[in-house]
Protein backbone atom coordinates (compact mmCIF):
# COMPACT_ATOMS: atom_id res chain seq x y z
CA UNK A 1 57.04 201.41 94.74
CA UNK A 2 59.41 201.36 91.76
CA UNK A 3 62.15 202.80 93.96
CA UNK A 4 61.47 200.09 96.52
CA UNK A 5 61.68 197.34 93.89
CA UNK A 6 64.86 198.86 92.47
CA UNK A 7 66.45 198.86 95.91
CA UNK A 8 65.47 195.23 96.47
CA UNK A 9 66.90 194.26 93.10
CA UNK A 10 70.08 196.14 93.91
CA UNK A 11 70.40 194.38 97.24
CA UNK A 12 69.74 191.02 95.59
CA UNK A 13 72.43 191.67 93.03
CA UNK A 14 74.81 192.83 95.77
CA UNK A 15 74.28 189.63 97.75
CA UNK A 16 74.75 187.28 94.79
CA UNK A 17 78.02 185.32 94.96
CA UNK A 18 80.80 187.28 93.31
CA UNK A 19 81.97 184.17 91.45
CA UNK A 20 78.61 182.55 90.70
CA UNK A 21 78.96 179.42 88.55
CA UNK A 22 82.70 179.94 88.01
CA UNK A 23 85.14 177.09 87.42
CA UNK A 24 88.74 177.76 88.37
CA UNK A 25 91.13 175.53 86.43
CA UNK A 26 94.17 174.44 88.46
CA UNK A 27 96.74 172.14 86.86
CA UNK A 28 99.47 170.53 88.91
CA UNK A 29 102.48 168.25 88.55
CA UNK A 30 102.61 168.15 92.36
CA UNK A 31 100.41 165.83 94.49
CA UNK A 32 100.47 163.11 91.81
CA UNK A 33 100.31 160.05 94.17
CA UNK A 34 96.66 158.99 94.66
CA UNK A 35 96.76 159.60 98.43
CA UNK A 36 97.98 163.16 97.90
CA UNK A 37 95.43 163.85 95.17
CA UNK A 38 92.66 162.65 97.45
CA UNK A 39 93.89 164.84 100.30
CA UNK A 40 94.01 168.00 98.16
CA UNK A 41 90.62 167.33 96.59
CA UNK A 42 88.88 166.40 99.83
CA UNK A 43 90.64 168.47 102.50
CA UNK A 44 92.04 171.63 100.88
CA UNK A 45 90.02 172.58 97.80
CA UNK A 46 86.65 172.44 99.63
CA UNK A 47 87.94 175.10 102.05
CA UNK A 48 88.62 177.46 99.14
CA UNK A 49 85.27 176.69 97.52
CA UNK A 50 83.42 177.31 100.81
CA UNK A 51 85.17 180.67 101.13
CA UNK A 52 84.17 181.59 97.56
CA UNK A 53 80.52 180.57 97.03
CA UNK A 54 79.73 179.69 93.46
CA UNK A 55 83.28 178.58 92.67
CA UNK A 56 84.22 175.07 91.62
CA UNK A 57 87.92 174.17 91.40
CA UNK A 58 88.82 171.79 88.59
CA UNK A 59 92.05 170.20 89.82
CA UNK A 60 93.98 168.23 87.19
CA UNK A 61 97.31 166.38 87.46
CA UNK A 62 99.62 166.87 84.45
CA UNK A 63 103.26 166.03 83.83
CA UNK A 64 105.66 168.90 83.16
CA UNK A 65 105.58 168.31 79.41
CA UNK A 66 101.79 167.91 79.32
CA UNK A 67 101.37 171.18 81.21
CA UNK A 68 103.70 173.10 78.92
CA UNK A 69 102.20 171.63 75.75
CA UNK A 70 98.65 172.40 76.87
CA UNK A 71 99.47 176.00 77.80
CA UNK A 72 101.37 176.63 74.56
CA UNK A 73 98.51 175.19 72.50
CA UNK A 74 95.91 177.29 74.33
CA UNK A 75 97.99 180.44 73.88
CA UNK A 76 98.40 179.76 70.16
CA UNK A 77 94.65 179.19 69.79
CA UNK A 78 93.86 182.37 71.72
CA UNK A 79 91.71 180.38 74.12
CA UNK A 80 93.40 180.01 77.51
CA UNK A 81 91.30 177.97 79.93
CA UNK A 82 93.91 177.25 82.62
CA UNK A 83 94.06 179.68 85.53
CA UNK A 84 96.65 178.46 88.03
CA UNK A 85 99.70 176.20 87.71
CA UNK A 86 101.37 174.24 90.49
CA UNK A 87 104.74 173.30 89.08
CA UNK A 88 108.32 172.36 89.87
CA UNK A 89 111.49 174.40 89.61
CA UNK A 90 112.85 172.32 86.73
CA UNK A 91 109.95 173.59 84.60
CA UNK A 92 110.20 177.31 85.45
CA UNK A 93 112.57 178.38 82.69
CA UNK A 94 110.61 176.70 79.90
CA UNK A 95 107.30 178.16 81.07
CA UNK A 96 108.75 181.68 81.17
CA UNK A 97 110.41 181.31 77.77
CA UNK A 98 107.12 180.10 76.29
CA UNK A 99 105.37 183.21 77.64
CA UNK A 100 102.61 181.21 79.31
CA UNK A 101 102.97 182.44 82.91
CA UNK A 102 102.09 185.90 84.21
CA UNK A 103 104.43 188.41 85.85
CA UNK A 104 103.30 188.63 89.50
CA UNK A 105 105.85 191.21 90.67
CA UNK A 106 103.18 193.84 91.29
CA UNK A 107 100.93 191.32 93.04
CA UNK A 108 103.37 189.99 95.65
CA UNK A 109 101.52 191.80 98.44
CA UNK A 110 98.27 190.33 97.12
CA UNK A 111 99.36 186.69 96.88
CA UNK A 112 101.54 186.60 100.02
CA UNK A 113 100.59 189.42 102.41
CA UNK A 114 102.12 189.52 105.90
CA UNK A 115 103.96 186.19 105.58
CA UNK A 116 107.58 185.17 105.17
CA UNK A 117 108.30 183.17 102.02
CA UNK A 118 111.55 181.23 101.55
CA UNK A 119 114.01 183.73 100.06
CA UNK A 120 115.90 181.01 98.19
CA UNK A 121 112.76 179.62 96.60
CA UNK A 122 111.51 183.12 95.73
CA UNK A 123 114.80 183.87 93.97
CA UNK A 124 114.42 180.73 91.86
CA UNK A 125 111.07 182.02 90.62
CA UNK A 126 112.53 185.32 89.35
CA UNK A 127 113.55 185.88 85.73
CA UNK A 128 114.93 189.20 84.46
CA UNK A 129 113.95 190.80 87.76
CA UNK A 130 110.33 189.69 87.51
CA UNK A 131 108.57 187.32 89.91
CA UNK A 132 106.64 184.62 88.06
CA UNK A 133 106.48 181.84 90.66
CA UNK A 134 105.29 181.92 94.29
CA UNK A 135 106.70 179.08 96.44
CA UNK A 136 104.30 177.08 98.56
CA UNK A 137 106.18 173.85 99.41
CA UNK A 138 109.72 172.54 99.45
CA UNK A 139 111.18 169.14 98.72
CA UNK A 140 113.77 167.83 101.13
CA UNK A 141 115.14 164.44 102.14
CA UNK A 142 115.40 162.41 105.34
CA UNK A 143 115.77 158.87 106.66
CA UNK A 144 112.69 156.73 107.25
CA UNK A 145 113.39 153.72 109.49
CA UNK A 146 111.50 150.66 110.62
CA UNK A 147 112.09 150.46 114.38
CA UNK A 148 113.05 146.78 113.98
CA UNK A 149 116.30 148.01 112.41
CA UNK A 150 117.26 149.83 115.61
CA UNK A 151 118.31 146.53 117.19
CA UNK A 152 121.25 146.45 114.76
CA UNK A 153 122.36 150.09 114.98
CA UNK A 154 126.14 150.16 115.64
CA UNK A 155 127.04 150.87 119.26
CA UNK A 156 127.37 154.54 120.08
CA UNK A 157 125.66 155.78 116.89
CA UNK A 158 122.94 158.39 117.30
CA UNK A 159 120.26 158.72 114.65
CA UNK A 160 120.54 162.49 114.94
CA UNK A 161 124.27 162.36 114.14
CA UNK A 162 124.46 159.33 111.83
CA UNK A 163 127.01 159.38 109.02
CA UNK A 164 127.08 157.52 105.71
CA UNK A 165 129.86 155.34 107.13
CA UNK A 166 127.56 154.49 110.06
CA UNK A 167 124.79 153.68 107.57
CA UNK A 168 127.03 151.21 105.72
CA UNK A 169 127.96 149.50 109.01
CA UNK A 170 124.31 149.42 110.11
CA UNK A 171 123.14 147.79 106.87
CA UNK A 172 125.99 145.26 107.12
CA UNK A 173 124.92 144.37 110.68
CA UNK A 174 121.35 143.74 109.52
CA UNK A 175 122.47 141.62 106.59
CA UNK A 176 124.86 139.57 108.69
CA UNK A 177 122.23 138.89 111.36
CA UNK A 178 119.16 138.37 109.16
CA UNK A 179 120.32 137.96 105.56
CA UNK A 180 118.10 140.91 104.69
CA UNK A 181 119.04 143.57 102.14
CA UNK A 182 117.31 146.25 104.15
CA UNK A 183 117.86 149.45 102.14
CA UNK A 184 115.14 150.77 99.81
CA UNK A 185 116.08 152.84 96.78
CA UNK A 186 113.71 154.18 94.10
CA UNK A 187 115.12 152.70 90.90
CA UNK A 188 112.36 153.49 88.40
CA UNK A 189 113.71 155.97 85.86
CA UNK A 190 113.06 159.72 86.21
CA UNK A 191 112.36 159.35 89.91
CA UNK A 192 114.09 160.49 93.10
CA UNK A 193 117.42 158.69 92.66
CA UNK A 194 119.17 161.81 91.28
CA UNK A 195 118.34 163.83 94.38
CA UNK A 196 119.29 161.08 96.83
CA UNK A 197 122.72 160.63 95.23
CA UNK A 198 123.06 164.40 94.79
CA UNK A 199 122.47 164.90 98.52
CA UNK A 200 125.33 162.50 99.26
CA UNK A 201 127.65 164.37 96.90
CA UNK A 202 126.81 167.63 98.70
CA UNK A 203 127.58 165.95 102.04
CA UNK A 204 131.07 165.08 100.77
CA UNK A 205 131.75 168.65 99.63
CA UNK A 206 130.59 168.57 96.00
CA UNK A 207 127.97 170.74 94.37
CA UNK A 208 124.81 169.88 92.43
CA UNK A 209 124.55 168.65 89.72
CA UNK A 210 128.12 167.40 90.02
CA UNK A 211 129.12 163.80 89.20
CA UNK A 212 132.87 163.93 88.57
CA UNK A 213 134.65 166.07 91.19
CA UNK A 214 136.84 164.46 93.86
CA UNK A 215 134.01 165.01 96.34
CA UNK A 216 131.53 163.38 93.97
CA UNK A 217 133.86 160.42 93.48
CA UNK A 218 134.09 159.98 97.26
CA UNK A 219 130.27 159.93 97.42
CA UNK A 220 130.05 157.42 94.58
CA UNK A 221 132.53 155.23 96.48
CA UNK A 222 130.17 155.25 99.47
CA UNK A 223 127.30 154.15 97.23
CA UNK A 224 129.35 151.20 95.98
CA UNK A 225 129.50 150.08 99.62
CA UNK A 226 125.81 150.71 100.29
CA UNK A 227 124.70 148.93 97.13
CA UNK A 228 125.28 145.32 98.35
CA UNK A 229 122.57 145.99 100.96
CA UNK A 230 120.04 147.58 98.55
CA UNK A 231 117.00 145.36 98.19
CA UNK A 232 117.07 143.39 94.91
CA UNK A 233 113.64 144.75 93.96
CA UNK A 234 114.87 148.36 93.94
CA UNK A 235 114.54 148.69 90.14
CA UNK A 236 110.77 148.24 90.52
CA UNK A 237 110.36 150.94 93.18
CA UNK A 238 109.00 154.24 91.90
CA UNK A 239 108.76 155.28 95.53
CA UNK A 240 109.92 153.41 98.62
CA UNK A 241 106.62 153.69 100.50
CA UNK A 242 105.18 150.29 99.61
CA UNK A 243 108.45 148.45 100.24
CA UNK A 244 108.72 150.06 103.68
CA UNK A 245 105.07 149.42 104.55
CA UNK A 246 105.36 145.77 103.47
CA UNK A 247 108.51 145.58 105.63
CA UNK A 248 110.36 144.29 102.59
CA UNK A 249 112.90 146.97 103.52
CA UNK A 250 113.70 148.69 106.79
CA UNK A 251 115.67 151.82 105.91
CA UNK A 252 115.48 154.42 103.16
CA UNK A 253 116.60 157.94 102.31
CA UNK A 254 113.67 159.55 100.57
CA UNK A 255 111.63 162.67 99.93
CA UNK A 256 110.24 164.01 103.19
CA UNK A 257 106.65 163.78 101.91
CA UNK A 258 107.09 160.10 101.05
CA UNK A 259 108.82 159.43 104.38
CA UNK A 260 105.99 161.25 106.10
CA UNK A 261 103.36 159.01 104.52
CA UNK A 262 105.14 155.96 105.93
CA UNK A 263 105.76 157.50 109.34
CA UNK A 264 102.18 158.75 109.77
CA UNK A 265 100.85 155.28 108.94
CA UNK A 266 102.22 154.03 112.28
CA UNK A 267 104.64 156.14 114.37
CA UNK A 268 104.99 153.20 116.76
CA UNK A 269 106.50 151.09 113.96
CA UNK A 270 108.53 153.74 112.11
CA UNK A 271 110.82 156.58 113.06
CA UNK A 272 112.63 159.41 111.26
CA UNK A 273 116.13 160.83 111.20
CA UNK A 274 117.86 163.64 109.31
CA UNK A 275 119.91 162.83 106.23
CA UNK A 276 123.34 161.42 107.19
CA UNK A 277 126.55 163.40 107.49
CA UNK A 278 129.27 162.98 104.89
CA UNK A 279 132.90 164.02 105.23
CA UNK A 280 131.95 167.73 105.17
CA UNK A 281 128.37 168.12 106.46
CA UNK A 282 124.85 166.94 105.82
CA UNK A 283 123.72 167.48 102.26
CA UNK A 284 120.27 167.93 100.79
CA UNK A 285 118.91 168.82 97.36
CA UNK A 286 115.95 171.11 97.93
CA UNK A 287 113.20 171.20 95.33
CA UNK A 288 110.84 174.11 94.87
CA UNK A 289 107.13 173.61 94.25
CA UNK A 290 105.54 176.91 93.28
CA UNK A 291 102.29 178.47 92.15
CA UNK A 292 101.93 180.57 89.02
CA UNK A 293 99.15 182.35 87.16
CA UNK A 294 98.63 181.45 83.52
CA UNK A 295 99.18 184.35 81.13
CA UNK A 296 95.71 185.29 79.90
CA UNK A 297 93.98 183.32 82.67
CA UNK A 298 90.21 183.71 82.24
CA UNK A 299 89.76 184.13 86.02
CA UNK A 300 92.78 186.24 86.92
CA UNK A 301 91.48 187.75 90.17
CA UNK A 302 90.13 184.43 91.41
CA UNK A 303 93.45 182.80 90.47
CA UNK A 304 95.30 185.35 92.59
CA UNK A 305 92.94 184.57 95.47
CA UNK A 306 93.76 180.86 95.12
CA UNK A 307 97.50 181.54 95.21
CA UNK A 308 97.03 183.69 98.33
CA UNK A 309 94.92 180.93 99.89
CA UNK A 310 97.62 178.30 99.25
CA UNK A 311 100.34 180.45 100.89
CA UNK A 312 98.40 181.14 104.10
CA UNK A 313 100.34 179.78 107.09
CA UNK A 314 97.34 177.81 108.34
CA UNK A 315 96.80 176.18 104.91
CA UNK A 316 100.53 175.53 104.59
CA UNK A 317 100.40 173.82 107.98
CA UNK A 318 97.37 171.77 106.98
CA UNK A 319 99.15 170.57 103.82
CA UNK A 320 102.28 169.77 105.83
CA UNK A 321 100.20 167.73 108.26
CA UNK A 322 98.33 165.95 105.48
CA UNK A 323 101.07 165.12 102.97
CA UNK A 324 104.30 166.17 104.73
CA UNK A 325 105.59 168.74 102.24
CA UNK A 326 107.91 171.24 103.88
CA UNK A 327 106.13 174.64 104.09
CA UNK A 328 107.62 177.52 102.12
CA UNK A 329 106.08 179.99 104.61
CA UNK A 330 108.03 180.38 107.85
CA UNK A 331 104.97 181.10 110.00
CA UNK A 332 103.34 177.76 109.10
CA UNK A 333 105.16 175.79 111.81
CA UNK A 334 103.31 177.83 114.46
CA UNK A 335 100.08 176.18 113.28
CA UNK A 336 101.39 172.60 113.59
CA UNK A 337 100.90 171.16 117.09
CA UNK A 338 103.52 168.85 118.61
CA UNK A 339 103.13 165.35 117.26
CA UNK A 340 103.98 163.19 114.23
CA UNK A 341 103.27 165.87 111.60
CA UNK A 342 105.52 168.35 113.34
CA UNK A 343 108.19 165.65 113.74
CA UNK A 344 108.36 165.36 109.95
CA UNK A 345 108.79 169.09 109.37
CA UNK A 346 111.40 169.38 112.11
CA UNK A 347 113.52 166.51 110.77
CA UNK A 348 113.35 168.04 107.28
CA UNK A 349 114.44 171.39 108.67
CA UNK A 350 117.48 169.76 110.29
CA UNK A 351 118.48 168.51 106.86
CA UNK A 352 118.19 172.06 105.53
CA UNK A 353 120.80 173.30 108.04
CA UNK A 354 123.62 171.53 106.18
CA UNK A 355 124.88 172.01 102.61
CA UNK A 356 121.73 172.69 100.60
CA UNK A 357 121.52 173.02 96.83
CA UNK A 358 118.47 174.23 94.97
CA UNK A 359 117.75 172.48 91.69
CA UNK A 360 119.19 174.64 88.87
CA UNK A 361 116.92 174.74 85.85
CA UNK A 362 118.77 174.25 82.54
CA UNK A 363 119.70 177.55 80.84
CA UNK A 364 121.04 176.45 77.44
CA UNK A 365 118.71 176.49 74.47
CA UNK A 366 117.13 173.06 74.41
CA UNK A 367 118.50 172.27 77.87
CA UNK A 368 116.54 169.53 79.56
CA UNK A 369 116.44 168.60 83.25
CA UNK A 370 115.44 165.10 82.21
CA UNK A 371 118.89 164.72 80.62
CA UNK A 372 120.54 165.68 83.92
CA UNK A 373 118.48 163.07 85.76
CA UNK A 374 119.35 160.46 83.17
CA UNK A 375 123.07 161.15 83.67
CA UNK A 376 122.80 160.50 87.41
CA UNK A 377 120.73 157.38 86.86
CA UNK A 378 123.06 156.03 84.17
CA UNK A 379 126.06 156.70 86.40
CA UNK A 380 124.44 154.85 89.31
CA UNK A 381 123.64 151.85 87.13
CA UNK A 382 127.16 151.85 85.66
CA UNK A 383 129.06 152.29 88.94
CA UNK A 384 126.87 150.27 91.32
CA UNK A 385 124.44 147.97 89.54
CA UNK A 386 126.89 146.92 86.82
CA UNK A 387 129.79 146.87 89.29
CA UNK A 388 132.12 149.03 87.19
CA UNK A 389 133.21 151.10 90.19
CA UNK A 390 134.23 154.75 90.25
CA UNK A 391 135.68 155.54 86.82
CA UNK A 392 136.91 159.18 86.54
CA UNK A 393 137.05 159.08 82.74
CA UNK A 394 133.46 157.89 82.51
CA UNK A 395 132.32 160.49 85.04
CA UNK A 396 134.08 163.30 83.17
CA UNK A 397 132.14 162.31 80.05
CA UNK A 398 128.89 162.29 82.01
CA UNK A 399 129.61 165.73 83.48
CA UNK A 400 130.08 167.09 79.96
CA UNK A 401 126.54 165.97 79.13
CA UNK A 402 125.25 167.81 82.20
CA UNK A 403 127.21 170.96 81.32
CA UNK A 404 125.69 171.00 77.84
CA UNK A 405 122.31 171.74 79.43
CA UNK A 406 123.61 175.10 80.74
CA UNK A 407 125.10 178.28 79.30
CA UNK A 408 127.68 178.22 82.11
CA UNK A 409 128.68 174.95 83.85
CA UNK A 410 126.47 174.59 86.96
CA UNK A 411 129.41 173.25 88.98
CA UNK A 412 132.58 175.14 87.94
């Protein structure tokens, strides 16, 4: 009888959930807009919890600085409670230097088995030959267009082949016919403006982050001609979504996820196009959103399972369909059926066929990506909003500020 009871107890213990009453702490600077937070909490996290009975995922949105400060404080106190980070490439270097993220080199086959991760994004997550960050989604840029604007598209211009010169002419046509300043631009500080202007500079043959080369000056000149058609409320736009949905504006270059939110709201009203061509090619600044494991994570094995879950092609596809981030896993597109969600990924991929620059994290001691963004924003305000025009001396001074954030100049 005792043997029988022992066997039953053993079976009961064997069938208990492996992670009974476990809370996995996931902090993220990605998915900050309310719609994206709701999607992740309601559509993605429950799938992981259902697969791991007894697990609850505590998903918290933090800024880059809040995330770093919290991890450093927990490490110093010897009480790490965070398990997984979802962070952006501009924060990688500081997290590694602070010693708060784990080396995942030996776990690559665990967190991304039998799937093809973006080689460029993977390389950005390596420091001293060690892999700390696992890419799961890319940032890219495209055009989002209200179909009402198509009535004013210059004759012979194709959306698939549109240039910045065509864009200027198109905006002028709209303004002449309607009086409308139809272009939306996110003017709130520390937003997307740096990447939108940077993509134009790449299209004209510059590099990123470059503000003063001849190619950069040509791109700035284009922006002086676009600016008269930028909606006057642009300084209040953190993102262009609301302005486009209110039909206050008709055209914008923006992050593919933000464009996707507008497009998916009504594909009969909106359409998409790749980023325009410049004098050399298309240009696009590609951001890297990656997963990492906190050093000393209290639930290391479960954290690894979560990273593996987030890089599955079918989950990547689901995220792409829900919030329009570009998957970092090549096989994900096979799980996206033809339709609006696939349209978004395909238009983003066209943009990635041109001159693409990955965001280079600052390498100098005390280097700060926020300073780089401020330089681009200040230059835009100076050249366009204040009407000072393209001033090579001013731009040389601004480039020096950028270069100070790096051991070697990012754009020789």
